[in-house]
Amino acid sequence: MDVRGLIADDWNWFWGTWWPTIDWGNAPAWVGAFLTSGSLFLAVLILRGDRKKDRRSDADAFFTYPVGSSTLKNGVKVHSTVEVHHYNAGDRPIIGASVWQLTSKRPTKKASLVFNPRGFEEMIYPGDKGETSLNFRRPEPPEADLILVFKDGRGVEWVRHLYTNKYLGEWYFRLHYPFKKMHWEL
C-alpha cells in the first residue's frame, strides 16, 4: 500500500468528513469567549501591576540625586567629587543605605549615607534628608557604575542605579558578574 495514499485518505477524511460535522457555535459565542478571555487576562495584568507598585512604594518614596563636580589644578581636572543628596518621603525608615561602585572584579562599598558611630543599623527616618560626599581619584565622576543599595521599611533589599534611579535585579548581576554571589554589607 502506498504511504501517500494513506496520508491522502486520512487528510480527506479529516477535512471532508469529520471537520464539517463539528458544531462550532455561532459568531457571537466566539466573540464573547474571546472578550471574556481577554478581560480575564487584562485583570490579571492590572492586579500584578498594582501589587508591584505597592511593593515598591517604600523604595520609591526614598529620593536620591547625585551632584558631580571636578577639582581643577592648573586648568586640568585632577579628581572628582559626587555629592549624594537623599530624602525619605515615605512613612517607614530606610535601613542601611549605601553607595557602591561597580568595578570589573566586584562591587565595592564607597560610603554609607548615614554615619552611626554606635554600631546600630543605620536608618534614615521619615522626613530625614542629608548628603554624603564621595571622592574619586579620576578626573570625571563615575556616573555609569555607581549604585545605591538599601532596605525599605519592610526589610526588602533594593539595588538602584544612582543616576538613572532604575532598579537593578539579580539578572543584572548575573549578567555582569556571572561567577560571584552578591552579598551587600549594609
Protein backbone atom coordinates (compact mmCIF):
# COMPACT_ATOMS: atom_id res chain seq x y z
CA MET A 1 0.00 0.00 0.00
CA ASP A 2 1.22 3.44 -0.84
CA VAL A 3 2.02 5.72 2.14
CA ARG A 4 0.98 8.80 0.22
CA GLY A 5 -2.37 7.24 -0.46
CA LEU A 6 -2.91 6.56 3.26
CA ILE A 7 -1.99 10.10 4.18
CA ALA A 8 -4.24 11.49 1.46
CA ASP A 9 -7.13 9.29 2.64
CA ASP A 10 -6.67 10.44 6.25
CA TRP A 11 -6.37 14.05 5.14
CA ASN A 12 -9.52 13.84 3.04
CA TRP A 13 -11.41 12.14 5.88
CA PHE A 14 -10.32 14.82 8.38
CA TRP A 15 -11.21 17.83 6.23
CA GLY A 16 -14.06 16.30 4.22
CA THR A 17 -15.91 14.10 6.70
CA TRP A 18 -15.06 14.90 10.30
CA TRP A 19 -14.30 18.67 10.32
CA PRO A 20 -17.63 19.85 8.80
CA THR A 21 -19.65 17.78 11.29
CA ILE A 22 -18.39 19.62 14.35
CA ASP A 23 -20.77 22.24 15.73
CA TRP A 24 -18.51 25.26 16.17
CA GLY A 25 -21.20 27.56 17.50
CA ASN A 26 -22.10 30.95 16.14
CA ALA A 27 -20.09 34.15 15.81
CA PRO A 28 -21.48 35.88 18.94
CA ALA A 29 -20.43 32.91 21.10
CA TRP A 30 -16.88 33.10 19.70
CA VAL A 31 -16.68 36.86 20.18
CA GLY A 32 -17.97 36.50 23.74
CA ALA A 33 -15.39 33.80 24.51
CA PHE A 34 -12.52 35.92 23.18
CA LEU A 35 -13.68 39.03 25.06
CA THR A 36 -14.06 37.09 28.30
CA SER A 37 -10.60 35.59 27.95
CA GLY A 38 -9.12 38.99 27.14
CA SER A 39 -10.79 40.69 30.10
CA LEU A 40 -9.54 37.98 32.48
CA PHE A 41 -6.00 38.38 31.11
CA LEU A 42 -6.23 42.17 31.47
CA ALA A 43 -7.49 41.83 35.07
CA VAL A 44 -4.51 39.65 35.97
CA LEU A 45 -2.11 42.19 34.42
CA ILE A 46 -3.70 45.09 36.33
CA LEU A 47 -3.59 43.22 39.65
CA ARG A 48 0.03 42.28 39.06
CA GLY A 49 0.96 45.90 38.30
CA ASP A 50 -0.83 47.14 41.44
CA ARG A 51 0.99 44.64 43.60
CA LYS A 52 4.31 45.68 42.08
CA LYS A 53 3.55 49.36 42.76
CA ASP A 54 2.51 48.58 46.33
CA ARG A 55 5.66 46.53 46.91
CA ARG A 56 7.86 49.36 45.59
CA SER A 57 6.03 52.21 47.34
CA ASP A 58 8.52 52.49 50.24
CA ALA A 59 11.51 52.30 47.91
CA ASP A 60 10.04 54.86 45.51
CA ALA A 61 9.49 57.29 48.40
CA PHE A 62 13.25 57.35 49.07
CA PHE A 63 14.64 60.08 46.80
CA THR A 64 18.30 60.39 45.93
CA TYR A 65 20.09 62.58 43.44
CA PRO A 66 23.81 62.96 42.79
CA VAL A 67 25.66 66.18 42.05
CA GLY A 68 29.09 65.71 40.46
CA SER A 69 31.98 68.13 40.34
CA SER A 70 35.66 68.08 39.44
CA THR A 71 38.64 69.83 41.04
CA LEU A 72 40.92 71.79 38.75
CA LYS A 73 44.65 72.18 39.30
CA ASN A 74 46.46 74.42 36.80
CA GLY A 75 43.44 74.12 34.48
CA VAL A 76 43.48 70.31 34.48
CA LYS A 77 40.87 68.14 36.18
CA VAL A 78 42.63 66.28 39.00
CA HIS A 79 39.93 64.44 40.91
CA SER A 80 36.16 64.41 41.15
CA THR A 81 33.56 64.52 43.88
CA VAL A 82 29.98 63.26 43.87
CA GLU A 83 27.58 64.58 46.49
CA VAL A 84 24.65 62.23 47.04
CA HIS A 85 21.61 64.04 48.41
CA HIS A 86 18.84 61.95 49.93
CA TYR A 87 15.35 62.44 51.36
CA ASN A 88 12.93 59.89 52.83
CA ALA A 89 9.39 60.98 51.91
CA GLY A 90 7.87 57.67 52.97
CA ASP A 91 6.13 56.53 56.15
CA ARG A 92 8.76 53.96 57.09
CA PRO A 93 12.51 54.20 57.71
CA ILE A 94 15.16 53.29 55.15
CA ILE A 95 17.75 50.89 56.52
CA GLY A 96 21.45 50.75 55.68
CA ALA A 97 21.54 52.94 52.58
CA SER A 98 24.98 52.87 50.96
CA VAL A 99 26.61 53.76 47.66
CA TRP A 100 28.59 51.11 45.81
CA GLN A 101 30.89 51.35 42.82
CA LEU A 102 30.76 48.59 40.24
CA THR A 103 34.24 47.58 39.15
CA SER A 104 35.41 44.87 36.79
CA LYS A 105 36.21 42.48 39.65
CA ARG A 106 33.35 43.04 42.07
CA PRO A 107 31.23 45.83 43.56
CA THR A 108 32.96 47.80 46.33
CA LYS A 109 31.29 49.88 49.01
CA LYS A 110 32.14 53.56 48.73
CA ALA A 111 30.13 55.17 51.55
CA SER A 112 27.11 54.91 53.80
CA LEU A 113 24.55 57.66 53.51
CA VAL A 114 24.17 57.80 57.30
CA PHE A 115 27.04 57.61 59.76
CA ASN A 116 26.19 55.85 63.00
CA PRO A 117 29.10 55.59 65.45
CA ARG A 118 27.22 53.36 67.90
CA GLY A 119 27.12 50.42 65.50
CA PHE A 120 23.34 50.09 65.23
CA GLU A 121 21.69 49.67 61.87
CA GLU A 122 21.88 52.96 60.05
CA MET A 123 18.38 54.31 59.44
CA ILE A 124 17.02 57.24 57.54
CA TYR A 125 13.74 58.07 59.26
CA PRO A 126 10.68 59.53 57.51
CA GLY A 127 11.30 63.18 56.73
CA ASP A 128 15.08 62.92 57.14
CA LYS A 129 17.34 64.40 54.50
CA GLY A 130 21.07 64.74 54.12
CA GLU A 131 24.05 64.45 51.83
CA THR A 132 27.22 62.41 51.57
CA SER A 133 30.35 63.24 49.57
CA LEU A 134 32.30 60.64 47.61
CA ASN A 135 35.81 61.45 46.36
CA PHE A 136 37.38 59.79 43.33
CA ARG A 137 40.93 59.96 42.04
CA ARG A 138 39.92 60.19 38.42
CA PRO A 139 39.01 63.44 36.68
CA GLU A 140 35.40 62.57 35.81
CA PRO A 141 32.78 61.23 38.24
CA PRO A 142 32.00 57.55 37.53
CA GLU A 143 28.35 58.05 36.58
CA ALA A 144 27.82 54.69 34.92
CA ASP A 145 28.96 52.49 37.76
CA LEU A 146 27.51 53.94 40.98
CA ILE A 147 24.61 52.13 42.58
CA LEU A 148 22.56 52.63 45.72
CA VAL A 149 21.80 49.64 47.97
CA PHE A 150 19.24 49.89 50.78
CA LYS A 151 16.41 48.13 52.61
CA ASP A 152 12.97 49.63 52.88
CA GLY A 153 10.80 49.63 55.99
CA ARG A 154 9.54 46.13 55.21
CA GLY A 155 13.06 44.72 55.06
CA VAL A 156 13.09 44.27 51.28
CA GLU A 157 16.53 44.90 49.80
CA TRP A 158 16.72 47.22 46.78
CA VAL A 159 19.55 47.94 44.36
CA ARG A 160 19.09 51.11 42.31
CA HIS A 161 21.32 52.91 39.81
CA LEU A 162 22.33 56.22 41.37
CA TYR A 163 22.00 58.39 38.24
CA THR A 164 19.04 56.81 36.43
CA ASN A 165 17.09 55.57 39.51
CA LYS A 166 16.34 52.32 37.68
CA TYR A 167 16.09 49.26 39.86
CA LEU A 168 18.64 46.55 39.12
CA GLY A 169 17.57 42.96 39.63
CA GLU A 170 19.55 39.80 40.13
CA TRP A 171 19.63 39.37 36.35
CA TYR A 172 21.90 42.43 36.09
CA PHE A 173 24.50 40.97 38.43
CA ARG A 174 24.28 37.51 36.87
CA LEU A 175 24.99 39.16 33.53
CA HIS A 176 27.93 41.32 34.68
CA TYR A 177 29.33 39.12 37.49
CA PRO A 178 28.31 35.59 36.48
CA PHE A 179 30.54 33.68 38.91
CA LYS A 180 30.02 35.76 42.03
CA LYS A 181 27.24 35.72 44.59
CA MET A 182 26.35 39.27 45.59
CA HIS A 183 26.46 39.92 49.34
CA TRP A 184 25.71 43.51 50.28
CA GLU A 185 27.14 44.58 53.63
CA LEU A 186 24.55 47.09 54.69
